[in-house]
Amino acid sequence: MDTQFDSMRLDSPSWVFFVKISFVSALGGMLFGVAVMPVEIWMRGYMILGTLFLTGSTFTLAKTLRDQFEGSKMINKLAQARTEKLLKEYGAQPG
């Protein structure tokens, strides 16, 4: 039977480091590129604000999808536990 810890998946420290460095590099590169674009200041400001808003929205979307997935996993576990309990009770009855 599974335990609670069997379903936990932990990422390796090197993967977490890679993800963080990738994010910082991508965001920093984008902001630097926009900052040195040969356009008027209001266009750069618009692009930077758009980049920051898109980044924030990406975090919000990722967290929401993760929460939905985790929530559905718990619901499935509860439903499975109820089913197993009913099957055990049914199998224990003389009949």
PDB file of N, CA and C in Angstrom:
ATOM      1  N   MET A   1       0.849  -1.182   0.000  1.00  0.00           N
ATOM      2  CA  MET A   1       0.000   0.000   0.000  1.00  0.00           C
ATOM      3  C   MET A   1       0.888   1.235   0.000  1.00  0.00           C
ATOM      4  N   ASP A   2       0.459   2.289  -0.686  1.00  0.00           N
ATOM      5  CA  ASP A   2       1.307   3.478  -0.714  1.00  0.00           C
ATOM      6  C   ASP A   2       1.221   4.220   0.612  1.00  0.00           C
ATOM      7  N   THR A   3       2.306   4.859   0.888  1.00  0.00           N
ATOM      8  CA  THR A   3       2.302   5.769   2.022  1.00  0.00           C
ATOM      9  C   THR A   3       2.231   7.174   1.468  1.00  0.00           C
ATOM     10  N   GLN A   4       2.074   8.108   2.346  1.00  0.00           N
ATOM     11  CA  GLN A   4       1.982   9.501   1.919  1.00  0.00           C
ATOM     12  C   GLN A   4       3.270   9.936   1.229  1.00  0.00           C
ATOM     13  N   PHE A   5       4.394   9.385   1.649  1.00  0.00           N
ATOM     14  CA  PHE A   5       5.668   9.828   1.126  1.00  0.00           C
ATOM     15  C   PHE A   5       5.996   9.219  -0.229  1.00  0.00           C
ATOM     16  N   ASP A   6       5.337   8.137  -0.609  1.00  0.00           N
ATOM     17  CA  ASP A   6       5.601   7.544  -1.918  1.00  0.00           C
ATOM     18  C   ASP A   6       5.209   8.475  -3.053  1.00  0.00           C
ATOM     19  N   SER A   7       4.168   9.294  -2.821  1.00  0.00           N
ATOM     20  CA  SER A   7       3.688  10.164  -3.888  1.00  0.00           C
ATOM     21  C   SER A   7       4.425  11.497  -3.932  1.00  0.00           C
ATOM     22  N   MET A   8       5.255  11.779  -2.933  1.00  0.00           N
ATOM     23  CA  MET A   8       6.007  13.035  -2.940  1.00  0.00           C
ATOM     24  C   MET A   8       7.168  12.925  -3.914  1.00  0.00           C
ATOM     25  N   ARG A   9       7.353  13.979  -4.700  1.00  0.00           N
ATOM     26  CA  ARG A   9       8.453  14.008  -5.645  1.00  0.00           C
ATOM     27  C   ARG A   9       9.270  15.251  -5.350  1.00  0.00           C
ATOM     28  N   LEU A  10      10.499  15.038  -4.984  1.00  0.00           N
ATOM     29  CA  LEU A  10      11.377  16.165  -4.703  1.00  0.00           C
ATOM     30  C   LEU A  10      12.367  16.331  -5.844  1.00  0.00           C
ATOM     31  N   ASP A  11      12.557  17.579  -6.257  1.00  0.00           N
ATOM     32  CA  ASP A  11      13.518  17.863  -7.319  1.00  0.00           C
ATOM     33  C   ASP A  11      14.919  17.915  -6.728  1.00  0.00           C
ATOM     34  N   SER A  12      15.889  17.550  -7.543  1.00  0.00           N
ATOM     35  CA  SER A  12      17.274  17.584  -7.087  1.00  0.00           C
ATOM     36  C   SER A  12      17.733  19.038  -6.951  1.00  0.00           C
ATOM     37  N   PRO A  13      18.699  19.282  -6.074  1.00  0.00           N
ATOM     38  CA  PRO A  13      19.207  20.653  -5.917  1.00  0.00           C
ATOM     39  C   PRO A  13      19.782  21.226  -7.216  1.00  0.00           C
ATOM     40  N   SER A  14      20.401  20.377  -8.035  1.00  0.00           N
ATOM     41  CA  SER A  14      20.951  20.889  -9.297  1.00  0.00           C
ATOM     42  C   SER A  14      19.842  21.322 -10.254  1.00  0.00           C
ATOM     43  N   TRP A  15      18.715  20.624 -10.251  1.00  0.00           N
ATOM     44  CA  TRP A  15      17.589  21.010 -11.101  1.00  0.00           C
ATOM     45  C   TRP A  15      17.004  22.336 -10.632  1.00  0.00           C
ATOM     46  N   VAL A  16      16.839  22.502  -9.331  1.00  0.00           N
ATOM     47  CA  VAL A  16      16.313  23.748  -8.785  1.00  0.00           C
ATOM     48  C   VAL A  16      17.252  24.903  -9.125  1.00  0.00           C
ATOM     49  N   PHE A  17      18.556  24.681  -9.007  1.00  0.00           N
ATOM     50  CA  PHE A  17      19.546  25.705  -9.369  1.00  0.00           C
ATOM     51  C   PHE A  17      19.421  26.063 -10.844  1.00  0.00           C
ATOM     52  N   PHE A  18      19.320  25.060 -11.706  1.00  0.00           N
ATOM     53  CA  PHE A  18      19.194  25.285 -13.151  1.00  0.00           C
ATOM     54  C   PHE A  18      17.942  26.097 -13.474  1.00  0.00           C
ATOM     55  N   VAL A  19      16.833  25.755 -12.849  1.00  0.00           N
ATOM     56  CA  VAL A  19      15.574  26.462 -13.111  1.00  0.00           C
ATOM     57  C   VAL A  19      15.687  27.922 -12.688  1.00  0.00           C
ATOM     58  N   LYS A  20      16.257  28.160 -11.524  1.00  0.00           N
ATOM     59  CA  LYS A  20      16.398  29.534 -11.043  1.00  0.00           C
ATOM     60  C   LYS A  20      17.335  30.345 -11.934  1.00  0.00           C
ATOM     61  N   ILE A  21      18.465  29.763 -12.300  1.00  0.00           N
ATOM     62  CA  ILE A  21      19.416  30.468 -13.173  1.00  0.00           C
ATOM     63  C   ILE A  21      18.796  30.734 -14.540  1.00  0.00           C
ATOM     64  N   SER A  22      18.059  29.781 -15.066  1.00  0.00           N
ATOM     65  CA  SER A  22      17.396  29.968 -16.365  1.00  0.00           C
ATOM     66  C   SER A  22      16.402  31.118 -16.303  1.00  0.00           C
ATOM     67  N   PHE A  23      15.626  31.153 -15.231  1.00  0.00           N
ATOM     68  CA  PHE A  23      14.637  32.220 -15.080  1.00  0.00           C
ATOM     69  C   PHE A  23      15.311  33.589 -14.987  1.00  0.00           C
ATOM     70  N   VAL A  24      16.304  33.688 -14.123  1.00  0.00           N
ATOM     71  CA  VAL A  24      16.997  34.966 -13.945  1.00  0.00           C
ATOM     72  C   VAL A  24      17.667  35.395 -15.248  1.00  0.00           C
ATOM     73  N   SER A  25      18.277  34.466 -15.966  1.00  0.00           N
ATOM     74  CA  SER A  25      18.932  34.788 -17.234  1.00  0.00           C
ATOM     75  C   SER A  25      17.928  35.283 -18.274  1.00  0.00           C
ATOM     76  N   ALA A  26      16.812  34.590 -18.384  1.00  0.00           N
ATOM     77  CA  ALA A  26      15.804  34.969 -19.376  1.00  0.00           C
ATOM     78  C   ALA A  26      15.199  36.335 -19.058  1.00  0.00           C
ATOM     79  N   LEU A  27      14.822  36.540 -17.809  1.00  0.00           N
ATOM     80  CA  LEU A  27      14.222  37.819 -17.433  1.00  0.00           C
ATOM     81  C   LEU A  27      15.244  38.944 -17.538  1.00  0.00           C
ATOM     82  N   GLY A  28      16.457  38.702 -17.059  1.00  0.00           N
ATOM     83  CA  GLY A  28      17.501  39.728 -17.141  1.00  0.00           C
ATOM     84  C   GLY A  28      17.851  40.072 -18.577  1.00  0.00           C
ATOM     85  N   GLY A  29      17.973  39.063 -19.418  1.00  0.00           N
ATOM     86  CA  GLY A  29      18.267  39.305 -20.827  1.00  0.00           C
ATOM     87  C   GLY A  29      17.178  40.092 -21.516  1.00  0.00           C
ATOM     88  N   MET A  30      15.939  39.761 -21.221  1.00  0.00           N
ATOM     89  CA  MET A  30      14.814  40.478 -21.829  1.00  0.00           C
ATOM     90  C   MET A  30      14.794  41.937 -21.371  1.00  0.00           C
ATOM     91  N   LEU A  31      14.950  42.161 -20.068  1.00  0.00           N
ATOM     92  CA  LEU A  31      14.929  43.529 -19.559  1.00  0.00           C
ATOM     93  C   LEU A  31      16.114  44.336 -20.094  1.00  0.00           C
ATOM     94  N   PHE A  32      17.281  43.720 -20.177  1.00  0.00           N
ATOM     95  CA  PHE A  32      18.450  44.408 -20.730  1.00  0.00           C
ATOM     96  C   PHE A  32      18.216  44.747 -22.204  1.00  0.00           C
ATOM     97  N   GLY A  33      17.702  43.797 -22.963  1.00  0.00           N
ATOM     98  CA  GLY A  33      17.440  44.029 -24.377  1.00  0.00           C
ATOM     99  C   GLY A  33      16.459  45.157 -24.607  1.00  0.00           C
ATOM    100  N   VAL A  34      15.412  45.190 -23.797  1.00  0.00           N
ATOM    101  CA  VAL A  34      14.429  46.264 -23.933  1.00  0.00           C
ATOM    102  C   VAL A  34      15.044  47.600 -23.517  1.00  0.00           C
ATOM    103  N   ALA A  35      15.854  47.577 -22.473  1.00  0.00           N
ATOM    104  CA  ALA A  35      16.445  48.828 -21.972  1.00  0.00           C
ATOM    105  C   ALA A  35      17.391  49.470 -22.990  1.00  0.00           C
ATOM    106  N   VAL A  36      18.068  48.668 -23.800  1.00  0.00           N
ATOM    107  CA  VAL A  36      19.026  49.238 -24.764  1.00  0.00           C
ATOM    108  C   VAL A  36      18.451  49.338 -26.180  1.00  0.00           C
ATOM    109  N   MET A  37      17.166  49.067 -26.332  1.00  0.00           N
ATOM    110  CA  MET A  37      16.555  49.210 -27.662  1.00  0.00           C
ATOM    111  C   MET A  37      16.612  50.666 -28.111  1.00  0.00           C
ATOM    112  N   PRO A  38      16.890  50.891 -29.385  1.00  0.00           N
ATOM    113  CA  PRO A  38      16.958  52.286 -29.865  1.00  0.00           C
ATOM    114  C   PRO A  38      15.564  52.837 -30.189  1.00  0.00           C
ATOM    115  N   VAL A  39      14.744  52.941 -29.152  1.00  0.00           N
ATOM    116  CA  VAL A  39      13.391  53.490 -29.316  1.00  0.00           C
ATOM    117  C   VAL A  39      13.166  54.516 -28.213  1.00  0.00           C
ATOM    118  N   GLU A  40      12.057  55.201 -28.303  1.00  0.00           N
ATOM    119  CA  GLU A  40      11.734  56.220 -27.306  1.00  0.00           C
ATOM    120  C   GLU A  40      11.503  55.576 -25.938  1.00  0.00           C
ATOM    121  N   ILE A  41      11.663  56.389 -24.902  1.00  0.00           N
ATOM    122  CA  ILE A  41      11.584  55.894 -23.530  1.00  0.00           C
ATOM    123  C   ILE A  41      10.207  55.294 -23.208  1.00  0.00           C
ATOM    124  N   TRP A  42       9.132  55.875 -23.744  1.00  0.00           N
ATOM    125  CA  TRP A  42       7.808  55.354 -23.427  1.00  0.00           C
ATOM    126  C   TRP A  42       7.624  53.956 -24.017  1.00  0.00           C
ATOM    127  N   MET A  43       8.235  53.676 -25.159  1.00  0.00           N
ATOM    128  CA  MET A  43       8.149  52.338 -25.747  1.00  0.00           C
ATOM    129  C   MET A  43       8.908  51.328 -24.896  1.00  0.00           C
ATOM    130  N   ARG A  44      10.078  51.734 -24.415  1.00  0.00           N
ATOM    131  CA  ARG A  44      10.839  50.842 -23.529  1.00  0.00           C
ATOM    132  C   ARG A  44      10.065  50.572 -22.248  1.00  0.00           C
ATOM    133  N   GLY A  45       9.491  51.611 -21.676  1.00  0.00           N
ATOM    134  CA  GLY A  45       8.687  51.445 -20.456  1.00  0.00           C
ATOM    135  C   GLY A  45       7.529  50.491 -20.671  1.00  0.00           C
ATOM    136  N   TYR A  46       6.864  50.636 -21.810  1.00  0.00           N
ATOM    137  CA  TYR A  46       5.741  49.754 -22.140  1.00  0.00           C
ATOM    138  C   TYR A  46       6.210  48.304 -22.259  1.00  0.00           C
ATOM    139  N   MET A  47       7.321  48.091 -22.932  1.00  0.00           N
ATOM    140  CA  MET A  47       7.851  46.728 -23.103  1.00  0.00           C
ATOM    141  C   MET A  47       8.287  46.127 -21.759  1.00  0.00           C
ATOM    142  N   ILE A  48       8.924  46.928 -20.914  1.00  0.00           N
ATOM    143  CA  ILE A  48       9.357  46.437 -19.603  1.00  0.00           C
ATOM    144  C   ILE A  48       8.156  46.099 -18.731  1.00  0.00           C
ATOM    145  N   LEU A  49       7.152  46.977 -18.716  1.00  0.00           N
ATOM    146  CA  LEU A  49       5.948  46.681 -17.934  1.00  0.00           C
ATOM    147  C   LEU A  49       5.246  45.429 -18.464  1.00  0.00           C
ATOM    148  N   GLY A  50       5.190  45.290 -19.769  1.00  0.00           N
ATOM    149  CA  GLY A  50       4.597  44.093 -20.358  1.00  0.00           C
ATOM    150  C   GLY A  50       5.356  42.837 -19.974  1.00  0.00           C
ATOM    151  N   THR A  51       6.672  42.914 -19.980  1.00  0.00           N
ATOM    152  CA  THR A  51       7.502  41.771 -19.590  1.00  0.00           C
ATOM    153  C   THR A  51       7.267  41.402 -18.132  1.00  0.00           C
ATOM    154  N   LEU A  52       7.238  42.403 -17.259  1.00  0.00           N
ATOM    155  CA  LEU A  52       7.015  42.130 -15.838  1.00  0.00           C
ATOM    156  C   LEU A  52       5.610  41.581 -15.586  1.00  0.00           C
ATOM    157  N   PHE A  53       4.606  42.112 -16.264  1.00  0.00           N
ATOM    158  CA  PHE A  53       3.242  41.610 -16.101  1.00  0.00           C
ATOM    159  C   PHE A  53       3.122  40.177 -16.617  1.00  0.00           C
ATOM    160  N   LEU A  54       3.741  39.895 -17.754  1.00  0.00           N
ATOM    161  CA  LEU A  54       3.719  38.537 -18.288  1.00  0.00           C
ATOM    162  C   LEU A  54       4.407  37.565 -17.331  1.00  0.00           C
ATOM    163  N   THR A  55       5.513  37.989 -16.745  1.00  0.00           N
ATOM    164  CA  THR A  55       6.224  37.143 -15.781  1.00  0.00           C
ATOM    165  C   THR A  55       5.350  36.856 -14.567  1.00  0.00           C
ATOM    166  N   GLY A  56       4.727  37.879 -14.013  1.00  0.00           N
ATOM    167  CA  GLY A  56       3.833  37.683 -12.864  1.00  0.00           C
ATOM    168  C   GLY A  56       2.652  36.790 -13.211  1.00  0.00           C
ATOM    169  N   SER A  57       2.071  36.987 -14.389  1.00  0.00           N
ATOM    170  CA  SER A  57       0.952  36.157 -14.822  1.00  0.00           C
ATOM    171  C   SER A  57       1.370  34.703 -15.000  1.00  0.00           C
ATOM    172  N   THR A  58       2.597  34.490 -15.457  1.00  0.00           N
ATOM    173  CA  THR A  58       3.106  33.127 -15.627  1.00  0.00           C
ATOM    174  C   THR A  58       3.207  32.426 -14.280  1.00  0.00           C
ATOM    175  N   PHE A  59       3.720  33.125 -13.268  1.00  0.00           N
ATOM    176  CA  PHE A  59       3.783  32.540 -11.930  1.00  0.00           C
ATOM    177  C   PHE A  59       2.391  32.217 -11.401  1.00  0.00           C
ATOM    178  N   THR A  60       1.449  33.133 -11.614  1.00  0.00           N
ATOM    179  CA  THR A  60       0.079  32.914 -11.146  1.00  0.00           C
ATOM    180  C   THR A  60      -0.546  31.708 -11.834  1.00  0.00           C
ATOM    181  N   LEU A  61      -0.373  31.602 -13.141  1.00  0.00           N
ATOM    182  CA  LEU A  61      -0.915  30.463 -13.882  1.00  0.00           C
ATOM    183  C   LEU A  61      -0.290  29.154 -13.421  1.00  0.00           C
ATOM    184  N   ALA A  62       1.033  29.144 -13.273  1.00  0.00           N
ATOM    185  CA  ALA A  62       1.710  27.916 -12.849  1.00  0.00           C
ATOM    186  C   ALA A  62       1.252  27.485 -11.461  1.00  0.00           C
ATOM    187  N   LYS A  63       1.096  28.435 -10.539  1.00  0.00           N
ATOM    188  CA  LYS A  63       0.654  28.102  -9.192  1.00  0.00           C
ATOM    189  C   LYS A  63      -0.785  27.586  -9.209  1.00  0.00           C
ATOM    190  N   THR A  64      -1.645  28.221  -9.986  1.00  0.00           N
ATOM    191  CA  THR A  64      -3.038  27.795 -10.061  1.00  0.00           C
ATOM    192  C   THR A  64      -3.152  26.383 -10.627  1.00  0.00           C
ATOM    193  N   LEU A  65      -2.424  26.103 -11.710  1.00  0.00           N
ATOM    194  CA  LEU A  65      -2.464  24.763 -12.298  1.00  0.00           C
ATOM    195  C   LEU A  65      -1.907  23.726 -11.330  1.00  0.00           C
ATOM    196  N   ARG A  66      -0.854  24.070 -10.618  1.00  0.00           N
ATOM    197  CA  ARG A  66      -0.272  23.152  -9.630  1.00  0.00           C
ATOM    198  C   ARG A  66      -1.264  22.887  -8.499  1.00  0.00           C
ATOM    199  N   ASP A  67      -1.936  23.944  -8.021  1.00  0.00           N
ATOM    200  CA  ASP A  67      -2.927  23.783  -6.949  1.00  0.00           C
ATOM    201  C   ASP A  67      -4.088  22.904  -7.402  1.00  0.00           C
ATOM    202  N   GLN A  68      -4.546  23.096  -8.641  1.00  0.00           N
ATOM    203  CA  GLN A  68      -5.626  22.257  -9.159  1.00  0.00           C
ATOM    204  C   GLN A  68      -5.194  20.800  -9.238  1.00  0.00           C
ATOM    205  N   PHE A  69      -3.992  20.566  -9.704  1.00  0.00           N
ATOM    206  CA  PHE A  69      -3.477  19.206  -9.809  1.00  0.00           C
ATOM    207  C   PHE A  69      -3.362  18.559  -8.435  1.00  0.00           C
ATOM    208  N   GLU A  70      -2.789  19.284  -7.477  1.00  0.00           N
ATOM    209  CA  GLU A  70      -2.641  18.752  -6.126  1.00  0.00           C
ATOM    210  C   GLU A  70      -3.999  18.488  -5.499  1.00  0.00           C
ATOM    211  N   GLY A  71      -4.952  19.387  -5.735  1.00  0.00           N
ATOM    212  CA  GLY A  71      -6.295  19.205  -5.193  1.00  0.00           C
ATOM    213  C   GLY A  71      -6.981  17.984  -5.773  1.00  0.00           C
ATOM    214  N   SER A  72      -6.828  17.781  -7.055  1.00  0.00           N
ATOM    215  CA  SER A  72      -7.464  16.613  -7.673  1.00  0.00           C
ATOM    216  C   SER A  72      -6.796  15.333  -7.199  1.00  0.00           C
ATOM    217  N   LYS A  73      -5.510  15.394  -6.916  1.00  0.00           N
ATOM    218  CA  LYS A  73      -4.804  14.222  -6.414  1.00  0.00           C
ATOM    219  C   LYS A  73      -5.347  13.827  -5.040  1.00  0.00           C
ATOM    220  N   MET A  74      -5.588  14.799  -4.174  1.00  0.00           N
ATOM    221  CA  MET A  74      -6.115  14.520  -2.847  1.00  0.00           C
ATOM    222  C   MET A  74      -7.528  13.964  -2.942  1.00  0.00           C
ATOM    223  N   ILE A  75      -8.332  14.531  -3.822  1.00  0.00           N
ATOM    224  CA  ILE A  75      -9.696  14.038  -3.994  1.00  0.00           C
ATOM    225  C   ILE A  75      -9.672  12.591  -4.469  1.00  0.00           C
ATOM    226  N   ASN A  76      -8.785  12.288  -5.406  1.00  0.00           N
ATOM    227  CA  ASN A  76      -8.673  10.919  -5.894  1.00  0.00           C
ATOM    228  C   ASN A  76      -8.239   9.974  -4.785  1.00  0.00           C
ATOM    229  N   LYS A  77      -7.322  10.415  -3.934  1.00  0.00           N
ATOM    230  CA  LYS A  77      -6.874   9.573  -2.824  1.00  0.00           C
ATOM    231  C   LYS A  77      -8.004   9.323  -1.834  1.00  0.00           C
ATOM    232  N   LEU A  78      -8.784  10.364  -1.551  1.00  0.00           N
ATOM    233  CA  LEU A  78      -9.902  10.193  -0.630  1.00  0.00           C
ATOM    234  C   LEU A  78     -10.953   9.243  -1.206  1.00  0.00           C
ATOM    235  N   ALA A  79     -11.238   9.404  -2.497  1.00  0.00           N
ATOM    236  CA  ALA A  79     -12.208   8.516  -3.138  1.00  0.00           C
ATOM    237  C   ALA A  79     -11.708   7.075  -3.141  1.00  0.00           C
ATOM    238  N   GLN A  80     -10.427   6.894  -3.396  1.00  0.00           N
ATOM    239  CA  GLN A  80      -9.853   5.549  -3.396  1.00  0.00           C
ATOM    240  C   GLN A  80      -9.905   4.943  -1.995  1.00  0.00           C
ATOM    241  N   ALA A  81      -9.614   5.736  -0.975  1.00  0.00           N
ATOM    242  CA  ALA A  81      -9.655   5.237   0.402  1.00  0.00           C
ATOM    243  C   ALA A  81     -11.077   4.837   0.788  1.00  0.00           C
ATOM    244  N   ARG A  82     -12.061   5.627   0.382  1.00  0.00           N
ATOM    245  CA  ARG A  82     -13.466   5.279   0.676  1.00  0.00           C
ATOM    246  C   ARG A  82     -13.852   3.979  -0.019  1.00  0.00           C
ATOM    247  N   THR A  83     -13.429   3.843  -1.267  1.00  0.00           N
ATOM    248  CA  THR A  83     -13.741   2.622  -2.011  1.00  0.00           C
ATOM    249  C   THR A  83     -13.116   1.406  -1.347  1.00  0.00           C
ATOM    250  N   GLU A  84     -11.858   1.515  -0.932  1.00  0.00           N
ATOM    251  CA  GLU A  84     -11.191   0.398  -0.264  1.00  0.00           C
ATOM    252  C   GLU A  84     -11.888   0.053   1.047  1.00  0.00           C
ATOM    253  N   LYS A  85     -12.316   1.076   1.770  1.00  0.00           N
ATOM    254  CA  LYS A  85     -13.026   0.839   3.033  1.00  0.00           C
ATOM    255  C   LYS A  85     -14.333   0.104   2.779  1.00  0.00           C
ATOM    256  N   LEU A  86     -15.073   0.538   1.760  1.00  0.00           N
ATOM    257  CA  LEU A  86     -16.344  -0.133   1.433  1.00  0.00           C
ATOM    258  C   LEU A  86     -16.100  -1.574   1.007  1.00  0.00           C
ATOM    259  N   LEU A  87     -15.058  -1.807   0.211  1.00  0.00           N
ATOM    260  CA  LEU A  87     -14.765  -3.168  -0.227  1.00  0.00           C
ATOM    261  C   LEU A  87     -14.369  -4.066   0.948  1.00  0.00           C
ATOM    262  N   LYS A  88     -13.607  -3.525   1.882  1.00  0.00           N
ATOM    263  CA  LYS A  88     -13.237  -4.300   3.067  1.00  0.00           C
ATOM    264  C   LYS A  88     -14.455  -4.616   3.908  1.00  0.00           C
ATOM    265  N   GLU A  89     -15.348  -3.640   4.092  1.00  0.00           N
ATOM    266  CA  GLU A  89     -16.558  -3.872   4.877  1.00  0.00           C
ATOM    267  C   GLU A  89     -17.458  -4.889   4.172  1.00  0.00           C
ATOM    268  N   TYR A  90     -17.562  -4.792   2.887  1.00  0.00           N
ATOM    269  CA  TYR A  90     -18.405  -5.726   2.132  1.00  0.00           C
ATOM    270  C   TYR A  90     -17.823  -7.129   2.189  1.00  0.00           C
ATOM    271  N   GLY A  91     -16.512  -7.234   2.072  1.00  0.00           N
ATOM    272  CA  GLY A  91     -15.859  -8.541   2.108  1.00  0.00           C
ATOM    273  C   GLY A  91     -15.882  -9.154   3.490  1.00  0.00           C
ATOM    274  N   ALA A  92     -15.991  -8.349   4.558  1.00  0.00           N
ATOM    275  CA  ALA A  92     -15.982  -8.866   5.923  1.00  0.00           C
ATOM    276  C   ALA A  92     -17.341  -9.366   6.365  1.00  0.00           C
ATOM    277  N   GLN A  93     -18.397  -8.976   5.651  1.00  0.00           N
ATOM    278  CA  GLN A  93     -19.739  -9.390   6.058  1.00  0.00           C
ATOM    279  C   GLN A  93     -19.979 -10.842   5.641  1.00  0.00           C
ATOM    280  N   PRO A  94     -20.602 -11.600   6.548  1.00  0.00           N
ATOM    281  CA  PRO A  94     -20.925 -12.989   6.174  1.00  0.00           C
ATOM    282  C   PRO A  94     -21.983 -12.988   5.080  1.00  0.00           C
ATOM    283  N   GLY A  95     -21.816 -13.899   4.191  1.00  0.00           N
ATOM    284  CA  GLY A  95     -22.819 -13.819   3.233  1.00  0.00           C
ATOM    285  C   GLY A  95     -23.069 -14.712   2.210  1.00  0.00           C
TER     286      GLY A  95
END
